[in-house]
N, C-alpha and C. Protein backbone atom coordinates (compact mmCIF):
# COMPACT_ATOMS: atom_id res chain seq x y z
N MET A 1 187.50 94.91 40.19
CA MET A 1 187.81 96.32 40.33
C MET A 1 186.76 96.97 41.24
N THR A 2 187.20 97.69 42.24
CA THR A 2 186.26 98.33 43.15
C THR A 2 185.89 99.70 42.64
N ASP A 3 184.72 100.14 43.02
CA ASP A 3 184.24 101.46 42.62
C ASP A 3 184.98 102.52 43.43
N GLN A 4 185.71 103.39 42.76
CA GLN A 4 186.47 104.45 43.42
C GLN A 4 185.74 105.78 43.38
N THR A 5 184.43 105.76 43.20
CA THR A 5 183.65 106.98 43.12
C THR A 5 183.73 107.73 44.44
N PRO A 6 184.16 109.00 44.40
CA PRO A 6 184.23 109.77 45.64
C PRO A 6 182.83 110.07 46.16
N SER A 7 182.77 110.34 47.45
CA SER A 7 181.47 110.70 48.00
C SER A 7 181.00 111.98 47.33
N PRO A 8 179.70 112.06 47.07
CA PRO A 8 179.20 113.23 46.35
C PRO A 8 179.40 114.52 47.14
N VAL A 9 179.69 115.58 46.41
CA VAL A 9 179.88 116.89 47.01
C VAL A 9 178.51 117.55 47.11
N PRO A 10 178.13 118.00 48.31
CA PRO A 10 176.84 118.70 48.42
C PRO A 10 176.86 119.96 47.54
N LEU A 11 175.74 120.27 46.95
CA LEU A 11 175.62 121.40 46.05
C LEU A 11 176.09 122.70 46.71
N GLU A 12 175.72 122.92 47.97
CA GLU A 12 176.09 124.16 48.66
C GLU A 12 177.61 124.26 48.82
N LEU A 13 178.26 123.13 49.16
CA LEU A 13 179.72 123.14 49.32
C LEU A 13 180.39 123.38 47.98
N ALA A 14 179.90 122.73 46.94
CA ALA A 14 180.47 122.94 45.61
C ALA A 14 180.34 124.41 45.20
N ALA A 15 179.18 124.99 45.43
CA ALA A 15 178.95 126.39 45.06
C ALA A 15 179.90 127.32 45.80
N SER A 16 180.07 127.09 47.09
CA SER A 16 180.94 127.98 47.87
C SER A 16 182.41 127.80 47.48
N THR A 17 182.82 126.58 47.18
CA THR A 17 184.21 126.36 46.77
C THR A 17 184.46 126.93 45.39
N PHE A 18 183.52 126.73 44.47
CA PHE A 18 183.66 127.32 43.15
C PHE A 18 183.68 128.85 43.24
N ALA A 19 182.92 129.41 44.16
CA ALA A 19 182.93 130.87 44.35
C ALA A 19 184.32 131.34 44.76
N ALA A 20 184.98 130.56 45.62
CA ALA A 20 186.34 130.92 46.03
C ALA A 20 187.31 130.86 44.86
N LEU A 21 186.99 130.06 43.87
CA LEU A 21 187.85 129.94 42.69
C LEU A 21 187.44 130.89 41.58
N GLY A 22 186.46 131.75 41.85
CA GLY A 22 185.88 132.61 40.83
C GLY A 22 186.70 133.84 40.51
N SER A 23 187.99 133.69 40.43
CA SER A 23 188.88 134.80 40.11
C SER A 23 190.08 134.24 39.36
N GLU A 24 190.47 134.89 38.29
CA GLU A 24 191.65 134.44 37.54
C GLU A 24 192.88 134.41 38.44
N GLN A 25 193.00 135.41 39.31
CA GLN A 25 194.17 135.46 40.18
C GLN A 25 194.16 134.32 41.20
N ARG A 26 193.00 134.00 41.78
CA ARG A 26 192.94 132.89 42.74
C ARG A 26 193.21 131.57 42.04
N LEU A 27 192.70 131.41 40.83
CA LEU A 27 193.00 130.19 40.07
C LEU A 27 194.49 130.08 39.79
N SER A 28 195.12 131.18 39.47
CA SER A 28 196.55 131.18 39.22
C SER A 28 197.33 130.81 40.49
N VAL A 29 196.90 131.36 41.62
CA VAL A 29 197.55 131.04 42.90
C VAL A 29 197.38 129.56 43.21
N LEU A 30 196.17 129.04 43.12
CA LEU A 30 195.93 127.63 43.44
C LEU A 30 196.67 126.73 42.47
N ARG A 31 196.66 127.08 41.21
CA ARG A 31 197.36 126.27 40.22
C ARG A 31 198.85 126.22 40.50
N SER A 32 199.44 127.34 40.90
CA SER A 32 200.86 127.38 41.25
C SER A 32 201.14 126.48 42.45
N LEU A 33 200.22 126.48 43.42
CA LEU A 33 200.41 125.65 44.61
C LEU A 33 200.22 124.17 44.29
N VAL A 34 199.28 123.84 43.42
CA VAL A 34 199.09 122.44 43.02
C VAL A 34 200.34 121.95 42.29
N ARG A 35 200.89 122.79 41.43
CA ARG A 35 202.11 122.42 40.71
C ARG A 35 203.28 122.21 41.67
N ALA A 36 203.33 122.98 42.75
CA ALA A 36 204.44 122.88 43.71
C ALA A 36 204.37 121.62 44.55
N GLY A 37 203.19 121.03 44.65
CA GLY A 37 203.06 119.82 45.45
C GLY A 37 202.91 120.10 46.93
N PRO A 38 203.01 119.05 47.74
CA PRO A 38 202.72 119.17 49.17
C PRO A 38 203.69 120.05 49.95
N ASP A 39 204.89 120.29 49.41
CA ASP A 39 205.84 121.15 50.13
C ASP A 39 205.45 122.61 50.07
N GLY A 40 204.62 122.97 49.09
CA GLY A 40 204.14 124.33 48.98
C GLY A 40 205.21 125.31 48.54
N LEU A 41 204.89 126.59 48.68
CA LEU A 41 205.78 127.67 48.28
C LEU A 41 205.75 128.78 49.32
N SER A 42 206.87 129.48 49.45
CA SER A 42 206.86 130.67 50.29
C SER A 42 206.00 131.72 49.60
N ILE A 43 205.53 132.67 50.37
CA ILE A 43 204.70 133.75 49.80
C ILE A 43 205.43 134.46 48.66
N GLY A 44 206.72 134.72 48.83
CA GLY A 44 207.49 135.41 47.79
C GLY A 44 207.55 134.63 46.50
N VAL A 45 207.85 133.34 46.59
CA VAL A 45 207.93 132.50 45.39
C VAL A 45 206.54 132.33 44.78
N LEU A 46 205.53 132.16 45.63
CA LEU A 46 204.16 132.05 45.14
C LEU A 46 203.77 133.28 44.33
N GLY A 47 204.14 134.44 44.84
CA GLY A 47 203.87 135.69 44.12
C GLY A 47 204.54 135.72 42.76
N GLU A 48 205.82 135.30 42.71
CA GLU A 48 206.55 135.29 41.45
C GLU A 48 205.90 134.33 40.45
N ARG A 49 205.55 133.15 40.91
CA ARG A 49 205.01 132.12 40.01
C ARG A 49 203.59 132.42 39.55
N SER A 50 202.81 133.02 40.43
CA SER A 50 201.40 133.26 40.08
C SER A 50 201.19 134.62 39.44
N GLY A 51 202.16 135.52 39.61
CA GLY A 51 202.00 136.87 39.08
C GLY A 51 201.11 137.75 39.95
N VAL A 52 200.83 137.29 41.17
CA VAL A 52 200.00 138.04 42.12
C VAL A 52 200.88 138.34 43.33
N THR A 53 200.96 139.59 43.73
CA THR A 53 201.86 139.94 44.83
C THR A 53 201.20 140.85 45.85
N GLY A 54 201.93 141.08 46.93
CA GLY A 54 201.52 142.05 47.95
C GLY A 54 200.21 141.73 48.63
N SER A 55 199.47 142.79 48.95
CA SER A 55 198.22 142.63 49.68
C SER A 55 197.18 141.89 48.85
N THR A 56 197.29 141.98 47.53
CA THR A 56 196.36 141.24 46.66
C THR A 56 196.57 139.74 46.84
N LEU A 57 197.82 139.30 46.89
CA LEU A 57 198.13 137.89 47.11
C LEU A 57 197.62 137.44 48.47
N THR A 58 197.87 138.24 49.49
CA THR A 58 197.40 137.92 50.84
C THR A 58 195.89 137.74 50.86
N HIS A 59 195.18 138.63 50.20
CA HIS A 59 193.72 138.57 50.12
C HIS A 59 193.27 137.26 49.47
N HIS A 60 193.87 136.92 48.34
CA HIS A 60 193.46 135.72 47.62
C HIS A 60 193.82 134.44 48.38
N VAL A 61 194.97 134.41 49.01
CA VAL A 61 195.36 133.24 49.81
C VAL A 61 194.39 133.07 50.97
N ARG A 62 193.98 134.17 51.58
CA ARG A 62 193.02 134.09 52.69
C ARG A 62 191.70 133.46 52.23
N ILE A 63 191.21 133.87 51.08
CA ILE A 63 189.96 133.31 50.56
C ILE A 63 190.11 131.81 50.27
N LEU A 64 191.23 131.43 49.66
CA LEU A 64 191.47 130.01 49.36
C LEU A 64 191.63 129.20 50.64
N THR A 65 192.22 129.81 51.66
CA THR A 65 192.38 129.15 52.96
C THR A 65 191.02 128.95 53.62
N GLN A 66 190.18 129.98 53.59
CA GLN A 66 188.84 129.88 54.17
C GLN A 66 188.00 128.82 53.46
N ALA A 67 188.26 128.61 52.17
CA ALA A 67 187.54 127.59 51.40
C ALA A 67 188.09 126.19 51.65
N GLY A 68 189.19 126.11 52.41
CA GLY A 68 189.76 124.81 52.73
C GLY A 68 190.64 124.24 51.64
N LEU A 69 191.06 125.06 50.69
CA LEU A 69 191.88 124.58 49.58
C LEU A 69 193.37 124.79 49.81
N VAL A 70 193.72 125.71 50.70
CA VAL A 70 195.11 126.07 50.95
C VAL A 70 195.35 126.10 52.45
N HIS A 71 196.57 125.74 52.83
CA HIS A 71 196.97 125.79 54.23
C HIS A 71 198.25 126.61 54.33
N GLN A 72 198.35 127.44 55.35
CA GLN A 72 199.54 128.25 55.57
C GLN A 72 200.23 127.79 56.84
N THR A 73 201.56 127.70 56.79
CA THR A 73 202.35 127.40 57.98
C THR A 73 203.53 128.35 58.03
N LYS A 74 203.97 128.61 59.24
CA LYS A 74 205.11 129.50 59.43
C LYS A 74 206.36 128.65 59.60
N LYS A 75 207.38 128.91 58.79
CA LYS A 75 208.67 128.22 58.88
C LYS A 75 209.72 129.29 59.08
N GLY A 76 210.16 129.43 60.32
CA GLY A 76 211.10 130.51 60.61
C GLY A 76 210.43 131.85 60.35
N ARG A 77 211.02 132.63 59.47
CA ARG A 77 210.46 133.93 59.13
C ARG A 77 209.59 133.88 57.87
N SER A 78 209.47 132.71 57.28
CA SER A 78 208.70 132.56 56.04
C SER A 78 207.32 131.99 56.30
N VAL A 79 206.38 132.38 55.47
CA VAL A 79 205.05 131.78 55.47
C VAL A 79 205.00 130.87 54.24
N ILE A 80 204.70 129.59 54.48
CA ILE A 80 204.62 128.62 53.41
C ILE A 80 203.15 128.31 53.14
N CYS A 81 202.76 128.38 51.89
CA CYS A 81 201.40 128.06 51.48
C CYS A 81 201.44 126.77 50.68
N ALA A 82 200.46 125.91 50.92
CA ALA A 82 200.38 124.66 50.17
C ALA A 82 198.92 124.33 49.88
N ALA A 83 198.69 123.78 48.71
CA ALA A 83 197.37 123.24 48.39
C ALA A 83 197.24 121.96 49.21
N VAL A 84 196.15 121.84 49.94
CA VAL A 84 196.00 120.68 50.82
C VAL A 84 194.78 119.86 50.50
N ALA A 85 194.02 120.29 49.56
CA ALA A 85 192.72 119.68 49.33
C ALA A 85 192.67 118.99 47.98
N TYR A 86 193.68 118.19 47.67
CA TYR A 86 193.71 117.53 46.36
C TYR A 86 192.46 116.67 46.15
N ASP A 87 192.04 115.96 47.18
CA ASP A 87 190.84 115.13 47.06
C ASP A 87 189.60 115.99 46.81
N GLU A 88 189.53 117.14 47.49
CA GLU A 88 188.39 118.03 47.32
C GLU A 88 188.39 118.65 45.92
N ILE A 89 189.57 118.99 45.43
CA ILE A 89 189.67 119.57 44.09
C ILE A 89 189.22 118.53 43.06
N LYS A 90 189.65 117.30 43.23
CA LYS A 90 189.22 116.22 42.32
C LYS A 90 187.71 115.99 42.46
N ALA A 91 187.20 116.04 43.69
CA ALA A 91 185.77 115.84 43.90
C ALA A 91 184.96 116.93 43.20
N LEU A 92 185.47 118.16 43.18
CA LEU A 92 184.78 119.24 42.47
C LEU A 92 184.75 118.97 40.96
N SER A 93 185.86 118.48 40.45
CA SER A 93 185.90 118.11 39.03
C SER A 93 184.90 117.00 38.75
N ASP A 94 184.89 115.99 39.62
CA ASP A 94 183.94 114.88 39.46
C ASP A 94 182.50 115.37 39.59
N PHE A 95 182.28 116.37 40.46
CA PHE A 95 180.94 116.94 40.62
C PHE A 95 180.43 117.48 39.29
N LEU A 96 181.31 118.16 38.57
CA LEU A 96 180.90 118.73 37.28
C LEU A 96 180.64 117.66 36.23
N LEU A 97 181.40 116.58 36.30
CA LEU A 97 181.33 115.57 35.25
C LEU A 97 180.49 114.35 35.61
N SER A 98 179.99 114.28 36.82
CA SER A 98 179.32 113.06 37.29
C SER A 98 178.09 112.69 36.47
N GLU A 99 177.44 113.65 35.90
CA GLU A 99 176.25 113.34 35.11
C GLU A 99 176.44 113.76 33.65
N CYS A 100 177.68 113.74 33.23
CA CYS A 100 178.01 114.13 31.86
C CYS A 100 177.17 113.34 30.86
N CYS A 101 176.50 114.05 30.01
CA CYS A 101 175.72 113.48 28.90
C CYS A 101 174.55 112.63 29.37
N ALA A 102 174.14 112.74 30.63
CA ALA A 102 173.06 111.91 31.17
C ALA A 102 171.74 112.13 30.44
N ASP A 103 171.52 113.31 29.90
CA ASP A 103 170.26 113.60 29.23
C ASP A 103 170.36 113.51 27.71
N CYS A 104 171.51 113.06 27.21
CA CYS A 104 171.68 112.91 25.77
C CYS A 104 171.17 111.54 25.33
N ALA A 105 170.64 111.48 24.12
CA ALA A 105 170.21 110.19 23.57
C ALA A 105 171.42 109.28 23.40
N ALA A 106 172.50 109.84 22.89
CA ALA A 106 173.76 109.09 22.75
C ALA A 106 174.88 110.05 23.09
N PRO A 107 175.67 109.75 24.12
CA PRO A 107 176.76 110.65 24.51
C PRO A 107 177.70 110.92 23.34
N ALA A 108 178.14 112.14 23.23
CA ALA A 108 179.07 112.53 22.18
C ALA A 108 180.38 111.78 22.37
N GLU A 109 180.99 111.35 21.28
CA GLU A 109 182.25 110.64 21.35
C GLU A 109 183.30 111.51 22.01
N GLY A 110 184.06 110.93 22.91
CA GLY A 110 185.09 111.67 23.62
C GLY A 110 184.58 112.46 24.81
N HIS A 111 183.28 112.42 25.08
CA HIS A 111 182.72 113.17 26.19
C HIS A 111 182.14 112.29 27.26
N GLN A 112 182.44 111.00 27.18
CA GLN A 112 181.94 110.10 28.22
C GLN A 112 182.83 110.22 29.43
N HIS A 113 182.22 110.21 30.59
CA HIS A 113 182.96 110.25 31.85
C HIS A 113 182.98 108.85 32.40
N GLU A 114 184.18 108.37 32.72
CA GLU A 114 184.29 107.01 33.24
C GLU A 114 184.20 107.00 34.73
């Protein structure tokens, strides 16, 4: 079995990406896009699913796009948003868990990170 450990996320990059996720509304938007998969959602559908609409949605999508987590494309008259950084999102999760229980005498059961 080969080691599938992702390359470590630099602390500065992790901090800036987590900052982009530092809003319940942005988390809701990103979560809706992750659920939709690579085809993404139109702005209208994204608003319905995330509960964030109008200029507020535009603002949050812009921040997520600047963080490299979302990509927007124009399809006819629609703007389609899609989560594009699945590897980066997983790397952020791994960043948080990479040293789980490292300073414990014995890791708590169920809290070991494989």
